[in-house]
Amino acid sequence: MAIPKLNSVRINAGEWRSRVIKFPDAVGLRPTPERVRQTVFNWLGQDLTGFTCLDLFAGTGVMGFEALSRGALAVTLIEKSLPAYKSLIENKQLLKAEHTQIYNQDALKFLSQNTQKFNLVFLDPPYNQQWLPKVLPLLTEHLQSEALVYVEAEYALDTDAALAENWQVIKQSKAGNVFYHLLKSNHD
């Protein structure tokens, strides 16, 4: 029986700077590249003290763990894949990340059942599965005032007219085939 390959990614800054977290090989599991994470946290101002964060398609969990490392009050990680979920649990224990809740659940089911509100949401769903039109309309009721949503996608969101009605693209960039954005709800 083949032993599954473990990959790793390094946390950039904060309390756990340079700590490595491991994750399994899985189809569609792509950690946010280090350069992109550095840019995103520059956009966010580096210090996330007091933030409550949601990583809706957590995958490796690196965005959520990075947020905790930079002072976030609490992070909720949602991951449907059982191997990725188990890896998140192991990394939570490794980092002693007490302020982390991890759910092995579908993103839409979580949003339909959860009533918590967040300051910051990380949204990096599997590509080419039309998740953004399903998830973004549900997110507004889970956002605190002035909350931000980080979105990775296979296309630039500023070209999506339906999205523009409800969301403002505050910042955006591209790295390779990844388009990444910082959004704010128009319904604040």
Protein backbone atom coordinates (compact mmCIF):
# COMPACT_ATOMS: atom_id res chain seq x y z
CA MET A 1 0.00 0.00 0.00
CA ALA A 2 1.38 3.40 -1.00
CA ILE A 3 2.02 5.92 1.75
CA PRO A 4 0.27 9.20 0.99
CA LYS A 5 2.64 12.05 0.24
CA LEU A 6 2.60 14.97 2.65
CA ASN A 7 3.16 18.49 1.42
CA SER A 8 4.04 21.48 3.54
CA VAL A 9 3.62 25.22 3.65
CA ARG A 10 5.29 27.80 5.90
CA ILE A 11 3.51 30.47 7.95
CA ASN A 12 4.90 33.89 6.96
CA ALA A 13 4.65 36.08 10.06
CA GLY A 14 3.46 36.54 13.60
CA GLU A 15 3.61 34.19 16.57
CA TRP A 16 4.13 31.10 14.40
CA ARG A 17 6.44 32.70 11.84
CA SER A 18 8.43 30.07 9.89
CA ARG A 19 6.42 27.18 11.41
CA VAL A 20 5.62 24.52 8.84
CA ILE A 21 2.22 22.90 8.52
CA LYS A 22 1.73 19.70 6.56
CA PHE A 23 -1.20 18.63 4.41
CA PRO A 24 -2.08 15.58 2.30
CA ASP A 25 -2.01 15.26 -1.46
CA ALA A 26 -5.55 15.80 -2.65
CA VAL A 27 -7.15 16.71 -5.95
CA GLY A 28 -7.83 20.44 -6.10
CA LEU A 29 -6.01 21.21 -2.85
CA ARG A 30 -3.82 24.21 -3.60
CA PRO A 31 -2.38 26.30 -0.78
CA THR A 32 -2.34 30.02 -1.35
CA PRO A 33 1.19 30.82 -2.60
CA GLU A 34 3.50 32.55 -0.12
CA ARG A 35 3.83 35.67 -2.29
CA VAL A 36 0.04 35.99 -2.52
CA ARG A 37 -0.35 35.53 1.26
CA GLN A 38 2.23 38.25 1.88
CA THR A 39 0.31 40.64 -0.39
CA VAL A 40 -3.07 39.81 1.17
CA PHE A 41 -1.82 40.36 4.72
CA ASN A 42 -0.18 43.62 3.59
CA TRP A 43 -3.61 44.67 2.30
CA LEU A 44 -5.15 43.70 5.65
CA GLY A 45 -2.53 45.61 7.64
CA GLN A 46 -0.53 42.68 9.11
CA ASP A 47 -2.02 42.87 12.62
CA LEU A 48 -5.38 41.10 12.88
CA THR A 49 -5.80 41.59 16.63
CA GLY A 50 -9.44 41.11 17.61
CA PHE A 51 -10.57 39.72 14.24
CA THR A 52 -12.89 36.74 14.05
CA CYS A 53 -12.18 34.88 10.82
CA LEU A 54 -13.85 32.22 8.72
CA ASP A 55 -11.90 30.09 6.24
CA LEU A 56 -14.81 28.56 4.33
CA PHE A 57 -12.90 26.16 2.05
CA ALA A 58 -9.97 25.74 4.43
CA GLY A 59 -7.96 23.10 2.55
CA THR A 60 -4.49 23.41 4.12
CA GLY A 61 -5.76 25.95 6.65
CA VAL A 62 -2.78 28.20 5.98
CA MET A 63 -4.86 31.39 5.64
CA GLY A 64 -6.66 30.76 8.93
CA PHE A 65 -3.51 29.73 10.81
CA GLU A 66 -1.69 32.75 9.35
CA ALA A 67 -4.52 34.99 10.64
CA LEU A 68 -4.22 33.46 14.13
CA SER A 69 -0.46 33.87 14.02
CA ARG A 70 -1.04 37.59 13.33
CA GLY A 71 -3.33 38.10 16.33
CA ALA A 72 -6.81 37.05 15.19
CA LEU A 73 -9.10 36.38 18.15
CA ALA A 74 -10.62 33.23 16.63
CA VAL A 75 -10.71 31.30 13.37
CA THR A 76 -13.31 28.86 12.09
CA LEU A 77 -12.09 26.40 9.44
CA ILE A 78 -14.59 24.56 7.24
CA GLU A 79 -13.35 21.62 5.15
CA LYS A 80 -15.42 18.93 3.44
CA SER A 81 -12.53 16.59 2.49
CA LEU A 82 -11.91 14.12 5.32
CA PRO A 83 -8.12 13.78 4.75
CA ALA A 84 -7.71 17.58 4.66
CA TYR A 85 -9.95 17.93 7.75
CA LYS A 86 -7.82 15.41 9.68
CA SER A 87 -4.71 17.34 8.66
CA LEU A 88 -6.28 20.57 9.98
CA ILE A 89 -6.90 18.87 13.34
CA GLU A 90 -3.25 17.71 13.47
CA ASN A 91 -1.97 21.20 12.61
CA LYS A 92 -4.23 22.77 15.24
CA GLN A 93 -2.67 20.44 17.83
CA LEU A 94 0.87 21.05 16.53
CA LEU A 95 0.46 24.83 16.80
CA LYS A 96 -1.58 24.63 20.01
CA ALA A 97 -4.13 26.83 18.25
CA GLU A 98 -6.80 26.83 20.95
CA HIS A 99 -8.87 29.57 19.29
CA THR A 100 -9.60 27.43 16.24
CA GLN A 101 -12.86 25.65 15.49
CA ILE A 102 -12.70 23.07 12.72
CA TYR A 103 -15.72 21.50 11.01
CA ASN A 104 -15.79 18.63 8.54
CA GLN A 105 -18.74 20.04 6.62
CA ASP A 106 -19.96 21.34 3.28
CA ALA A 107 -19.62 25.15 3.00
CA LEU A 108 -23.27 25.71 2.05
CA LYS A 109 -24.50 23.56 4.93
CA PHE A 110 -22.29 25.46 7.37
CA LEU A 111 -23.62 28.82 6.15
CA SER A 112 -27.22 27.62 6.39
CA GLN A 113 -26.78 26.43 10.01
CA ASN A 114 -24.30 28.90 11.52
CA THR A 115 -25.34 32.32 12.86
CA GLN A 116 -21.92 33.65 13.86
CA LYS A 117 -20.68 36.90 12.28
CA PHE A 118 -17.09 37.39 11.14
CA ASN A 119 -14.75 40.35 10.48
CA LEU A 120 -12.83 38.52 7.77
CA VAL A 121 -13.71 35.62 5.50
CA PHE A 122 -11.23 33.66 3.38
CA LEU A 123 -12.90 32.17 0.34
CA ASP A 124 -10.82 29.91 -1.92
CA PRO A 125 -13.26 27.34 -3.32
CA PRO A 126 -12.39 24.60 -5.81
CA TYR A 127 -12.07 26.06 -9.30
CA ASN A 128 -14.55 25.48 -12.15
CA GLN A 129 -17.38 24.38 -9.86
CA GLN A 130 -19.36 27.67 -9.70
CA TRP A 131 -19.03 28.04 -5.93
CA LEU A 132 -18.80 31.84 -5.81
CA PRO A 133 -22.34 32.53 -7.15
CA LYS A 134 -23.68 30.05 -4.56
CA VAL A 135 -21.65 31.22 -1.56
CA LEU A 136 -21.27 34.99 -1.90
CA PRO A 137 -25.01 35.79 -1.61
CA LEU A 138 -25.16 33.79 1.65
CA LEU A 139 -22.11 35.46 3.18
CA THR A 140 -23.62 38.90 3.83
CA GLU A 141 -25.65 37.66 6.81
CA HIS A 142 -22.43 36.25 8.32
CA LEU A 143 -20.46 39.50 8.16
CA GLN A 144 -19.95 42.07 10.87
CA SER A 145 -20.06 45.73 9.85
CA GLU A 146 -17.04 46.70 7.72
CA ALA A 147 -16.06 43.03 7.26
CA LEU A 148 -13.80 42.00 4.41
CA VAL A 149 -13.88 38.92 2.20
CA TYR A 150 -10.73 37.57 0.55
CA VAL A 151 -11.51 35.62 -2.63
CA GLU A 152 -9.27 33.49 -4.84
CA ALA A 153 -10.67 32.52 -8.20
CA GLU A 154 -9.72 31.35 -11.65
CA TYR A 155 -11.01 34.65 -13.10
CA ALA A 156 -11.07 38.36 -12.23
CA LEU A 157 -14.19 39.26 -10.25
CA ASP A 158 -14.38 42.86 -11.44
CA THR A 159 -15.83 41.60 -14.72
CA ASP A 160 -18.81 39.92 -13.01
CA ALA A 161 -21.82 42.27 -13.27
CA ALA A 162 -23.99 40.21 -10.88
CA LEU A 163 -21.25 40.38 -8.27
CA ALA A 164 -20.91 44.17 -8.63
CA GLU A 165 -24.47 44.72 -7.39
CA ASN A 166 -23.64 43.32 -3.95
CA TRP A 167 -19.86 43.55 -3.60
CA GLN A 168 -17.19 46.15 -4.03
CA VAL A 169 -13.76 44.93 -5.19
CA ILE A 170 -11.39 46.94 -2.95
CA LYS A 171 -8.13 45.39 -4.10
CA GLN A 172 -7.18 42.75 -6.63
CA SER A 173 -4.15 41.20 -8.23
CA LYS A 174 -3.02 38.14 -10.17
CA ALA A 175 -0.22 35.64 -9.64
CA GLY A 176 0.16 33.01 -12.35
CA ASN A 177 -3.33 31.62 -12.97
CA VAL A 178 -4.66 32.84 -9.60
CA PHE A 179 -6.78 35.97 -9.38
CA TYR A 180 -7.14 37.23 -5.84
CA HIS A 181 -9.37 39.93 -4.45
CA LEU A 182 -10.41 41.78 -1.33
CA LEU A 183 -14.15 42.47 -1.27
CA LYS A 184 -16.50 44.50 0.89
CA SER A 185 -20.26 44.06 0.94
CA ASN A 186 -22.35 46.89 -0.49
CA HIS A 187 -24.94 46.13 2.22
CA ASP A 188 -23.02 47.48 5.22
